Amino acid sequence: MAIKFSTTFLLRKLHQLTGIVPLGAFFLVHMWTNSTALNGQKSFNEHVQTIHDMPYLLFIEIFGIFVPLLFHSIYGVLISTEAKPNVLGYGYARNWFYMFQRITGVYLFFFLLFHILNFRFGLIPGLNLVPVAGNADQAFTIVSNEFRITWVMIVYIIGVLATAWHLAYGVFLFAVDWGIVIGEKAQRAVLYGSLALALLLGAVGVNAAFAFVNRCGLLPKALCEEAQKPSSPAASKF
């Protein structure tokens, strides 16, 4: 009898857990770092350098990011092949959400492979061959040059939105499947909260992407120009 991956209890629980910690936490940190681009090249490069200066960074990358990501992605694709979407017969919101979760998961499998090969290793032919890793002083310039290529920007915007949805709805599924939220009203409240989280993360991520090609991203430039003003000598005394 063939193994049905989507019903394997331990693997499914581990898949859900890795999606929240560490991958979900890493995405939040990643969005925070990218958002520092709103304050310009110097700010972003300094934050990237701070990451590069972390002790045991290679071990954190391997065991805290790459290994969980590899398992989560491969297992996610396997269970997606076993999915039986029925949105045409039963067009309920939950059915559509289920389908979106599977679609975004498959897209993210290829997007993250592209993202890692591009910015982490600089191995995508025709794009920038200097990786961000090890070149913190050039980080902003590297990302900015990539995002000025229209198709690259589109791929990343879709990737950010897909990740925002996948993580936020994954939080809802995690809370329900692990018995943290019980009852129809409680589950509905968490679902609405997860949808709001998806919108928030998507907006922050997209704005951060545009910040590499336009001061302050999609926000009024005055907001970031004010943040970049140096403190006056008088103010620095207090």
C-alpha atoms as a PDB file:
ATOM      1  CA  MET A   1       0.000   0.000   0.000  1.00  0.00           C
ATOM      2  CA  ALA A   2       1.433   3.373  -1.033  1.00  0.00           C
ATOM      3  CA  ILE A   3       2.275   5.904   1.658  1.00  0.00           C
ATOM      4  CA  LYS A   4      -0.076   8.872   1.766  1.00  0.00           C
ATOM      5  CA  PHE A   5       2.137  11.747   2.907  1.00  0.00           C
ATOM      6  CA  SER A   6      -0.722  14.118   3.708  1.00  0.00           C
ATOM      7  CA  THR A   7      -1.988  11.792   6.462  1.00  0.00           C
ATOM      8  CA  THR A   8       1.372  10.883   8.030  1.00  0.00           C
ATOM      9  CA  PHE A   9       0.882  12.275  11.546  1.00  0.00           C
ATOM     10  CA  LEU A  10       4.479  12.956  12.624  1.00  0.00           C
ATOM     11  CA  LEU A  11       5.652  14.389   9.298  1.00  0.00           C
ATOM     12  CA  ARG A  12       2.566  16.588   9.030  1.00  0.00           C
ATOM     13  CA  LYS A  13       3.063  17.978  12.531  1.00  0.00           C
ATOM     14  CA  LEU A  14       6.732  18.616  11.831  1.00  0.00           C
ATOM     15  CA  HIS A  15       5.781  20.315   8.567  1.00  0.00           C
ATOM     16  CA  GLN A  16       3.411  22.658  10.391  1.00  0.00           C
ATOM     17  CA  LEU A  17       5.915  23.353  13.144  1.00  0.00           C
ATOM     18  CA  THR A  18       8.787  24.217  10.795  1.00  0.00           C
ATOM     19  CA  GLY A  19       6.465  26.550   8.905  1.00  0.00           C
ATOM     20  CA  ILE A  20       5.950  28.630  12.052  1.00  0.00           C
ATOM     21  CA  VAL A  21       9.333  28.207  13.737  1.00  0.00           C
ATOM     22  CA  PRO A  22      11.906  28.803  12.391  1.00  0.00           C
ATOM     23  CA  LEU A  23      10.718  29.691   8.872  1.00  0.00           C
ATOM     24  CA  GLY A  24       7.929  32.044   9.926  1.00  0.00           C
ATOM     25  CA  ALA A  25      10.213  33.815  12.365  1.00  0.00           C
ATOM     26  CA  PHE A  26      12.905  34.099   9.692  1.00  0.00           C
ATOM     27  CA  PHE A  27      10.440  35.700   7.263  1.00  0.00           C
ATOM     28  CA  LEU A  28       9.510  38.330   9.857  1.00  0.00           C
ATOM     29  CA  VAL A  29      13.179  39.128  10.490  1.00  0.00           C
ATOM     30  CA  HIS A  30      13.791  39.209   6.735  1.00  0.00           C
ATOM     31  CA  MET A  31      10.966  41.684   6.196  1.00  0.00           C
ATOM     32  CA  TRP A  32      12.279  43.846   9.043  1.00  0.00           C
ATOM     33  CA  THR A  33      15.761  43.920   7.497  1.00  0.00           C
ATOM     34  CA  ASN A  34      14.385  44.699   4.038  1.00  0.00           C
ATOM     35  CA  SER A  35      12.271  47.493   5.490  1.00  0.00           C
ATOM     36  CA  THR A  36      15.415  49.293   6.658  1.00  0.00           C
ATOM     37  CA  ALA A  37      15.913  50.097   2.959  1.00  0.00           C
ATOM     38  CA  LEU A  38      13.287  52.800   3.488  1.00  0.00           C
ATOM     39  CA  ASN A  39      15.968  54.758   5.330  1.00  0.00           C
ATOM     40  CA  GLY A  40      18.486  54.405   2.520  1.00  0.00           C
ATOM     41  CA  GLN A  41      21.542  52.484   1.477  1.00  0.00           C
ATOM     42  CA  LYS A  42      23.616  53.080   4.608  1.00  0.00           C
ATOM     43  CA  SER A  43      20.907  51.825   6.969  1.00  0.00           C
ATOM     44  CA  PHE A  44      20.238  48.656   4.969  1.00  0.00           C
ATOM     45  CA  ASN A  45      23.906  47.798   4.534  1.00  0.00           C
ATOM     46  CA  GLU A  46      24.526  48.242   8.265  1.00  0.00           C
ATOM     47  CA  HIS A  47      21.695  45.851   9.132  1.00  0.00           C
ATOM     48  CA  VAL A  48      23.002  43.283   6.662  1.00  0.00           C
ATOM     49  CA  GLN A  49      26.459  43.635   8.194  1.00  0.00           C
ATOM     50  CA  THR A  50      24.959  43.047  11.641  1.00  0.00           C
ATOM     51  CA  ILE A  51      23.576  39.739  10.370  1.00  0.00           C
ATOM     52  CA  HIS A  52      26.952  38.840   8.866  1.00  0.00           C
ATOM     53  CA  ASP A  53      28.598  39.532  12.222  1.00  0.00           C
ATOM     54  CA  MET A  54      26.397  37.042  14.087  1.00  0.00           C
ATOM     55  CA  PRO A  55      28.376  34.222  15.728  1.00  0.00           C
ATOM     56  CA  TYR A  56      27.783  30.728  14.316  1.00  0.00           C
ATOM     57  CA  LEU A  57      25.994  32.253  11.320  1.00  0.00           C
ATOM     58  CA  LEU A  58      26.760  29.317   9.033  1.00  0.00           C
ATOM     59  CA  PHE A  59      25.263  26.848  11.526  1.00  0.00           C
ATOM     60  CA  ILE A  60      22.190  29.064  11.925  1.00  0.00           C
ATOM     61  CA  GLU A  61      21.753  29.196   8.159  1.00  0.00           C
ATOM     62  CA  ILE A  62      22.157  25.441   7.700  1.00  0.00           C
ATOM     63  CA  PHE A  63      20.171  24.085  10.651  1.00  0.00           C
ATOM     64  CA  GLY A  64      17.867  27.034  11.332  1.00  0.00           C
ATOM     65  CA  ILE A  65      16.945  27.901   7.748  1.00  0.00           C
ATOM     66  CA  PHE A  66      18.123  25.596   4.946  1.00  0.00           C
ATOM     67  CA  VAL A  67      17.354  22.198   6.527  1.00  0.00           C
ATOM     68  CA  PRO A  68      13.863  23.206   7.819  1.00  0.00           C
ATOM     69  CA  LEU A  69      13.174  24.956   4.502  1.00  0.00           C
ATOM     70  CA  LEU A  70      14.219  21.918   2.499  1.00  0.00           C
ATOM     71  CA  PHE A  71      11.988  19.602   4.545  1.00  0.00           C
ATOM     72  CA  HIS A  72       9.035  22.020   4.616  1.00  0.00           C
ATOM     73  CA  SER A  73       9.225  22.678   0.869  1.00  0.00           C
ATOM     74  CA  ILE A  74       9.655  19.094  -0.316  1.00  0.00           C
ATOM     75  CA  TYR A  75       6.991  17.717   2.029  1.00  0.00           C
ATOM     76  CA  GLY A  76       4.682  20.578   1.068  1.00  0.00           C
ATOM     77  CA  VAL A  77       5.019  19.747  -2.621  1.00  0.00           C
ATOM     78  CA  LEU A  78       4.398  16.046  -1.881  1.00  0.00           C
ATOM     79  CA  ILE A  79       1.162  16.695  -0.010  1.00  0.00           C
ATOM     80  CA  SER A  80       0.123  19.183  -2.706  1.00  0.00           C
ATOM     81  CA  THR A  81       0.272  16.381  -5.268  1.00  0.00           C
ATOM     82  CA  GLU A  82      -2.228  14.480  -3.103  1.00  0.00           C
ATOM     83  CA  ALA A  83      -4.578  17.431  -2.766  1.00  0.00           C
ATOM     84  CA  LYS A  84      -8.089  17.134  -4.176  1.00  0.00           C
ATOM     85  CA  PRO A  85      -9.425  20.682  -4.516  1.00  0.00           C
ATOM     86  CA  ASN A  86     -13.189  20.903  -4.872  1.00  0.00           C
ATOM     87  CA  VAL A  87     -13.729  24.657  -5.213  1.00  0.00           C
ATOM     88  CA  LEU A  88     -15.789  24.190  -8.360  1.00  0.00           C
ATOM     89  CA  GLY A  89     -18.247  21.907  -6.610  1.00  0.00           C
ATOM     90  CA  TYR A  90     -18.137  23.592  -3.202  1.00  0.00           C
ATOM     91  CA  GLY A  91     -17.084  27.212  -3.504  1.00  0.00           C
ATOM     92  CA  TYR A  92     -16.817  27.884   0.209  1.00  0.00           C
ATOM     93  CA  ALA A  93     -14.149  30.295   1.454  1.00  0.00           C
ATOM     94  CA  ARG A  94     -12.294  27.537   3.322  1.00  0.00           C
ATOM     95  CA  ASN A  95     -12.038  25.516   0.102  1.00  0.00           C
ATOM     96  CA  TRP A  96     -10.575  28.492  -1.746  1.00  0.00           C
ATOM     97  CA  PHE A  97      -8.152  29.135   1.127  1.00  0.00           C
ATOM     98  CA  TYR A  98      -7.092  25.481   0.993  1.00  0.00           C
ATOM     99  CA  MET A  99      -6.385  25.787  -2.735  1.00  0.00           C
ATOM    100  CA  PHE A 100      -4.479  29.070  -2.302  1.00  0.00           C
ATOM    101  CA  GLN A 101      -2.344  27.442   0.382  1.00  0.00           C
ATOM    102  CA  ARG A 102      -1.353  24.675  -2.014  1.00  0.00           C
ATOM    103  CA  ILE A 103      -0.786  27.028  -4.980  1.00  0.00           C
ATOM    104  CA  THR A 104       1.366  29.439  -2.961  1.00  0.00           C
ATOM    105  CA  GLY A 105       3.319  26.512  -1.531  1.00  0.00           C
ATOM    106  CA  VAL A 106       4.252  25.228  -4.989  1.00  0.00           C
ATOM    107  CA  TYR A 107       5.150  28.732  -6.196  1.00  0.00           C
ATOM    108  CA  LEU A 108       7.305  29.340  -3.125  1.00  0.00           C
ATOM    109  CA  PHE A 109       9.221  26.114  -3.740  1.00  0.00           C
ATOM    110  CA  PHE A 110      10.556  27.497  -7.031  1.00  0.00           C
ATOM    111  CA  PHE A 111      10.703  31.124  -5.883  1.00  0.00           C
ATOM    112  CA  LEU A 112      12.847  30.393  -2.842  1.00  0.00           C
ATOM    113  CA  LEU A 113      15.187  28.268  -4.929  1.00  0.00           C
ATOM    114  CA  PHE A 114      15.575  31.230  -7.297  1.00  0.00           C
ATOM    115  CA  HIS A 115      15.929  33.684  -4.406  1.00  0.00           C
ATOM    116  CA  ILE A 116      18.646  31.685  -2.649  1.00  0.00           C
ATOM    117  CA  LEU A 117      20.628  31.020  -5.816  1.00  0.00           C
ATOM    118  CA  ASN A 118      20.322  34.682  -6.797  1.00  0.00           C
ATOM    119  CA  PHE A 119      21.050  36.723  -3.665  1.00  0.00           C
ATOM    120  CA  ARG A 120      22.754  34.146  -1.431  1.00  0.00           C
ATOM    121  CA  PHE A 121      25.075  32.645  -4.039  1.00  0.00           C
ATOM    122  CA  GLY A 122      24.858  34.879  -7.145  1.00  0.00           C
ATOM    123  CA  LEU A 123      24.411  31.883  -9.443  1.00  0.00           C
ATOM    124  CA  ILE A 124      21.577  32.980 -11.759  1.00  0.00           C
ATOM    125  CA  PRO A 125      22.950  33.493 -15.311  1.00  0.00           C
ATOM    126  CA  GLY A 126      22.245  36.949 -16.704  1.00  0.00           C
ATOM    127  CA  LEU A 127      21.704  38.516 -13.282  1.00  0.00           C
ATOM    128  CA  ASN A 128      24.080  39.964 -10.721  1.00  0.00           C
ATOM    129  CA  LEU A 129      26.871  37.469 -10.031  1.00  0.00           C
ATOM    130  CA  VAL A 130      27.977  39.135  -6.777  1.00  0.00           C
ATOM    131  CA  PRO A 131      26.018  37.602  -3.850  1.00  0.00           C
ATOM    132  CA  VAL A 132      24.763  39.664  -0.940  1.00  0.00           C
ATOM    133  CA  ALA A 133      26.355  37.133   1.406  1.00  0.00           C
ATOM    134  CA  GLY A 134      29.861  38.337   2.193  1.00  0.00           C
ATOM    135  CA  ASN A 135      29.324  41.696   0.506  1.00  0.00           C
ATOM    136  CA  ALA A 136      27.303  43.668   3.035  1.00  0.00           C
ATOM    137  CA  ASP A 137      28.827  46.962   1.881  1.00  0.00           C
ATOM    138  CA  GLN A 138      27.289  46.347  -1.573  1.00  0.00           C
ATOM    139  CA  ALA A 139      24.028  44.774  -0.403  1.00  0.00           C
ATOM    140  CA  PHE A 140      21.705  47.686  -1.207  1.00  0.00           C
ATOM    141  CA  THR A 141      23.257  48.232  -4.639  1.00  0.00           C
ATOM    142  CA  ILE A 142      23.013  44.533  -5.506  1.00  0.00           C
ATOM    143  CA  VAL A 143      19.331  44.283  -4.574  1.00  0.00           C
ATOM    144  CA  SER A 144      18.492  47.656  -6.124  1.00  0.00           C
ATOM    145  CA  ASN A 145      20.041  46.710  -9.461  1.00  0.00           C
ATOM    146  CA  GLU A 146      18.067  43.455  -9.494  1.00  0.00           C
ATOM    147  CA  PHE A 147      14.755  45.090  -8.617  1.00  0.00           C
ATOM    148  CA  ARG A 148      15.123  47.615 -11.428  1.00  0.00           C
ATOM    149  CA  ILE A 149      14.610  44.671 -13.798  1.00  0.00           C
ATOM    150  CA  THR A 150      10.833  44.529 -14.236  1.00  0.00           C
ATOM    151  CA  TRP A 151      10.392  40.760 -14.380  1.00  0.00           C
ATOM    152  CA  VAL A 152      12.602  40.256 -11.317  1.00  0.00           C
ATOM    153  CA  MET A 153      10.551  42.785  -9.341  1.00  0.00           C
ATOM    154  CA  ILE A 154       7.311  41.064 -10.394  1.00  0.00           C
ATOM    155  CA  VAL A 155       8.651  37.646  -9.379  1.00  0.00           C
ATOM    156  CA  TYR A 156       9.642  39.012  -5.965  1.00  0.00           C
ATOM    157  CA  ILE A 157       6.384  40.864  -5.364  1.00  0.00           C
ATOM    158  CA  ILE A 158       4.420  37.693  -6.103  1.00  0.00           C
ATOM    159  CA  GLY A 159       6.856  35.818  -3.858  1.00  0.00           C
ATOM    160  CA  VAL A 160       6.353  38.227  -0.971  1.00  0.00           C
ATOM    161  CA  LEU A 161       2.554  38.124  -1.296  1.00  0.00           C
ATOM    162  CA  ALA A 162       2.577  34.323  -1.587  1.00  0.00           C
ATOM    163  CA  THR A 163       4.781  34.039   1.509  1.00  0.00           C
ATOM    164  CA  ALA A 164       2.591  36.466   3.468  1.00  0.00           C
ATOM    165  CA  TRP A 165      -0.518  34.429   2.660  1.00  0.00           C
ATOM    166  CA  HIS A 166       1.137  31.054   3.176  1.00  0.00           C
ATOM    167  CA  LEU A 167       2.491  32.029   6.590  1.00  0.00           C
ATOM    168  CA  ALA A 168      -0.589  33.846   7.848  1.00  0.00           C
ATOM    169  CA  TYR A 169      -3.056  31.138   6.834  1.00  0.00           C
ATOM    170  CA  GLY A 170      -0.560  28.576   8.083  1.00  0.00           C
ATOM    171  CA  VAL A 171      -0.811  30.195  11.522  1.00  0.00           C
ATOM    172  CA  PHE A 172      -4.573  29.620  11.428  1.00  0.00           C
ATOM    173  CA  LEU A 173      -4.169  25.983  10.349  1.00  0.00           C
ATOM    174  CA  PHE A 174      -1.531  25.444  13.031  1.00  0.00           C
ATOM    175  CA  ALA A 175      -3.763  26.884  15.764  1.00  0.00           C
ATOM    176  CA  VAL A 176      -6.710  24.729  14.726  1.00  0.00           C
ATOM    177  CA  ASP A 177      -4.831  21.495  14.024  1.00  0.00           C
ATOM    178  CA  TRP A 178      -2.865  21.651  17.272  1.00  0.00           C
ATOM    179  CA  GLY A 179      -6.022  22.237  19.307  1.00  0.00           C
ATOM    180  CA  ILE A 180      -4.971  25.740  20.397  1.00  0.00           C
ATOM    181  CA  VAL A 181      -8.206  27.264  19.099  1.00  0.00           C
ATOM    182  CA  ILE A 182     -11.406  25.311  19.686  1.00  0.00           C
ATOM    183  CA  GLY A 183     -14.925  26.383  18.815  1.00  0.00           C
ATOM    184  CA  GLU A 184     -16.450  27.986  15.749  1.00  0.00           C
ATOM    185  CA  LYS A 185     -16.376  31.569  17.039  1.00  0.00           C
ATOM    186  CA  ALA A 186     -12.791  31.341  18.220  1.00  0.00           C
ATOM    187  CA  GLN A 187     -11.677  29.808  14.943  1.00  0.00           C
ATOM    188  CA  ARG A 188     -13.489  32.490  12.968  1.00  0.00           C
ATOM    189  CA  ALA A 189     -11.766  35.215  15.012  1.00  0.00           C
ATOM    190  CA  VAL A 190      -8.335  33.645  14.449  1.00  0.00           C
ATOM    191  CA  LEU A 191      -9.097  33.255  10.746  1.00  0.00           C
ATOM    192  CA  TYR A 192      -9.930  36.961  10.427  1.00  0.00           C
ATOM    193  CA  GLY A 193      -6.801  37.803  12.375  1.00  0.00           C
ATOM    194  CA  SER A 194      -4.718  35.618  10.043  1.00  0.00           C
ATOM    195  CA  LEU A 195      -6.186  37.300   6.973  1.00  0.00           C
ATOM    196  CA  ALA A 196      -5.344  40.695   8.466  1.00  0.00           C
ATOM    197  CA  LEU A 197      -1.817  39.460   9.154  1.00  0.00           C
ATOM    198  CA  ALA A 198      -1.491  38.363   5.521  1.00  0.00           C
ATOM    199  CA  LEU A 199      -2.487  41.839   4.329  1.00  0.00           C
ATOM    200  CA  LEU A 200      -0.094  43.519   6.753  1.00  0.00           C
ATOM    201  CA  LEU A 201       2.888  41.332   5.887  1.00  0.00           C
ATOM    202  CA  GLY A 202       2.144  41.622   2.172  1.00  0.00           C
ATOM    203  CA  ALA A 203       1.945  45.420   2.341  1.00  0.00           C
ATOM    204  CA  VAL A 204       5.165  45.686   4.365  1.00  0.00           C
ATOM    205  CA  GLY A 205       7.014  43.306   2.049  1.00  0.00           C
ATOM    206  CA  VAL A 206       5.892  44.971  -1.184  1.00  0.00           C
ATOM    207  CA  ASN A 207       6.686  48.437   0.156  1.00  0.00           C
ATOM    208  CA  ALA A 208      10.141  47.247   1.257  1.00  0.00           C
ATOM    209  CA  ALA A 209      10.795  45.884  -2.251  1.00  0.00           C
ATOM    210  CA  PHE A 210       9.911  49.228  -3.835  1.00  0.00           C
ATOM    211  CA  ALA A 211      12.151  51.002  -1.313  1.00  0.00           C
ATOM    212  CA  PHE A 212      15.165  49.636  -3.200  1.00  0.00           C
ATOM    213  CA  VAL A 213      14.177  51.577  -6.329  1.00  0.00           C
ATOM    214  CA  ASN A 214      12.269  54.500  -4.831  1.00  0.00           C
ATOM    215  CA  ARG A 215      12.962  56.382  -1.616  1.00  0.00           C
ATOM    216  CA  CYS A 216      10.482  55.233   1.050  1.00  0.00           C
ATOM    217  CA  GLY A 217       8.903  52.708  -1.301  1.00  0.00           C
ATOM    218  CA  LEU A 218       5.237  53.449  -1.917  1.00  0.00           C
ATOM    219  CA  LEU A 219       4.948  55.725   1.124  1.00  0.00           C
ATOM    220  CA  PRO A 220       5.251  59.528   0.991  1.00  0.00           C
ATOM    221  CA  LYS A 221       8.945  60.419   0.711  1.00  0.00           C
ATOM    222  CA  ALA A 222       8.629  62.944   3.526  1.00  0.00           C
ATOM    223  CA  LEU A 223       8.274  60.106   6.032  1.00  0.00           C
ATOM    224  CA  CYS A 224      11.673  58.660   5.204  1.00  0.00           C
ATOM    225  CA  GLU A 225      13.401  61.970   4.593  1.00  0.00           C
ATOM    226  CA  GLU A 226      12.486  62.993   8.132  1.00  0.00           C
ATOM    227  CA  ALA A 227      13.914  59.755   9.489  1.00  0.00           C
ATOM    228  CA  GLN A 228      17.184  60.326   7.655  1.00  0.00           C
ATOM    229  CA  LYS A 229      17.763  63.851   8.966  1.00  0.00           C
ATOM    230  CA  PRO A 230      20.795  63.921  11.261  1.00  0.00           C
ATOM    231  CA  SER A 231      20.189  64.960  14.835  1.00  0.00           C
ATOM    232  CA  SER A 232      21.191  68.521  15.639  1.00  0.00           C
ATOM    233  CA  PRO A 233      24.188  69.062  17.964  1.00  0.00           C
ATOM    234  CA  ALA A 234      21.870  70.604  20.541  1.00  0.00           C
ATOM    235  CA  ALA A 235      19.480  67.675  20.447  1.00  0.00           C
ATOM    236  CA  SER A 236      22.295  65.142  20.824  1.00  0.00           C
ATOM    237  CA  LYS A 237      23.208  66.565  24.215  1.00  0.00           C
ATOM    238  CA  PHE A 238      19.962  65.340  25.749  1.00  0.00           C
END
